[in-house]
Amino acid sequence: MFLLNTEKSKMKFMKIGTKPDTFYTQDGSRILITDSPNDLVIRINNTSYHLHRSSLVPKCGLLRRLCTDSEESDSVTIELNDIPGGADAFELCAKFCYGITINLSAHNLVDALCASKFLRMSDSVEKGNLLPKLESFFHSCVLQGWKDSIVTLQSTAKLPEWCENLGIIRKCIDSIVEKILTPTAQVSWSHTYTRPGYQKRKHHSVPRDWWTEDISDLDLDLFRCIITAARSSFTLPPQLIGEALHVYTCRWLPYFKSKSHSGFSVKENEAALERHRRVVNTVVNMIPADKGSVSEGFLLRLVSIANYVGASLTTKTELIRKAGLQLEEATLADLLLPSQSSSHHHRYDTDLVAAVLDSFLMLWRRQTSAHVSSNSQLLHSIRKVAKLIDSYLQAVSQDVHMPVPNFVSLAEAVPDIARESHDRLYKAINMYLKVHPEISKEEKKRLCRSLDCQKLSAEVRAHAVKNERMPLRTVVQALFFDQESSSKGVLSQAASQVLASRGKEVPTDETSMMHKLHLGPSETVSIGKAKSMREGGSQRGEDKIRSSTDPRKLVRQGTGSERKYHASRDR
């Protein structure tokens, strides 16, 4: 009897035979209830089958050859330890010989095919034999189904050599790739699609990535074969290939989707780490070269996992390069990756972000010097990245274990041209000083070294003037740039307020203020000249004010008394 399930929404199966199953187990042996005495014993590893030559020999060419020299009255014992599929596959073949009902599907078809081929159950031995029935079911039913082909291909992993020689692997791959390349309007077979927010009732059309979840169940080598074959057709867009890689990575790296800092704390044995290393290395090699084929968040997360599982240096270098190519597409959440170093106690992996930023800047400088892109496009790109890094600095500044060097290196890595405004950087530094009140004066100076008070907005500059967390040098810079844009007399008033807030005696005249700031004679004369020129109202005087009151010049040209004051205050 030969029955097939032909419903498109379900997997196919085949039912052969009509007799009931009369096999039973006794003392590790499988015995068939029958009136005839057993004269054939088949041993497969630890299982013995007590059967009849009259039922098996006519259909099994191998058993016919092995029983040729024995007398009909003798009981024959044959060992078949190397039969593909083992005892279960042999039992299916034996039941077929007795006419007992067997059910075949994609789950057990490969074992039955290989075992029947091993036993030589072909039409040349006896018409209507098992092997041709299985081959017909494989070609006409299994290969026509989507999930049938995937399940069958997955089951070949147990018998790779047999399946390769019989062509099962290649035929399954061809069938799967053919369906992947089918226009979505013609997709009628059942598939798995569990994306958040997607409901089939609300979507009449099949999504373009309908196939990605089902093939993610395949072993790594089989998955790679599917993707390689699909890409070789040059009909799939790179984004679809990238989505398949993303789904597969989420399926086989259990901590890929974890955003918590405990995601990397699970201790794994070396075997598990080796499997995950293979996944990372293989996935990275399959990422299309096209920019945007995978998201920046995916790349950054993969870099983090590559570090954790100990992926090869080549893999990590390539990942960092790819992540650097599209850093401007990242979000703040993408950058907030947990630190995995056992020697560091800070929460975030700033070294990873710094490496990706360096890769981006290397490419940006190369393009700038070669004029590969328009200047406006390059400027927009670098400024977008600068805003992202400043937002990242604001986030990581709240980590109480964040080292000053890590913070400073990221802040100073961004080129000057990239920051139109230093407001975000100031907020990050201010937050760091607030969370880390114990840092030294020298560390405070290092933090503020990259801060340009001239690029602060009026509101932020006013805050900096009154901010007791900031080093005096930064306050003086903010003060003078604030004075430059304010009305007459603001310098004296602001300086008095700053010094009063620091517990100093407030002088009422400008000469006393200069003395209190411990400015050298050259700076005092310069500011005095600036005052007289400003009162004269000439344009030339205004230019000299800007030159003589430049805080950077005050810092560079200060006398010994000024440096002595700063040193004593910093201590």
Foldseek 3Di string as FASTA:
>chain_A
DWDWDDDQADFIKTKFFDDAAQWDDDPQETEGDDPDAFQEWEDAPSYIYGHHCVQQLLQFVQVVVVCVPPDNPHRDYYYDNPQAPTPVLVVVQSCVSVRHMDMGGLQCLVSVLSNCVVRVRDVVSPNPTDNVVSVCCCVVGQLQHQLSLLSNLQVCVSPVVSCVVVVSNVSSLVSNLVQLLDPQVPDDHDADDDDPPDDCVVDVTQDNLRHLQSNLPHDPVSSLSNLVVNVVVVPDDLLSSQVSLVNNLVVLQVLLPPQDLCSLVDDDDLVSLVSNLVSLQSSLVSRDPDQPSYALLNLLSSLQVCVSSVHDPVSNVSSLLNSLVPVLRDALSSQQHADDDPVADWGGDLVSVLSSPVSNVVVLVVCVVVVVDPPVVSLVSLLSNLVSLLVNLLVSLLTLRDDLVSSLSSLVSRDPSNDQACLSLLNSLLSNCVSHVPDALVSLCSSCVSPQLLRYDLVVLVVLLQDPSHQVLSNLQSLLSNVLPDDPPSSLVSLQVSQVSVVHDRDDDPVVSCVVLQFDPQLVVQCVQLVVLVVVVDPVSSVSSCVSSRSVVSVVVGDPRNVVVSVVVSD
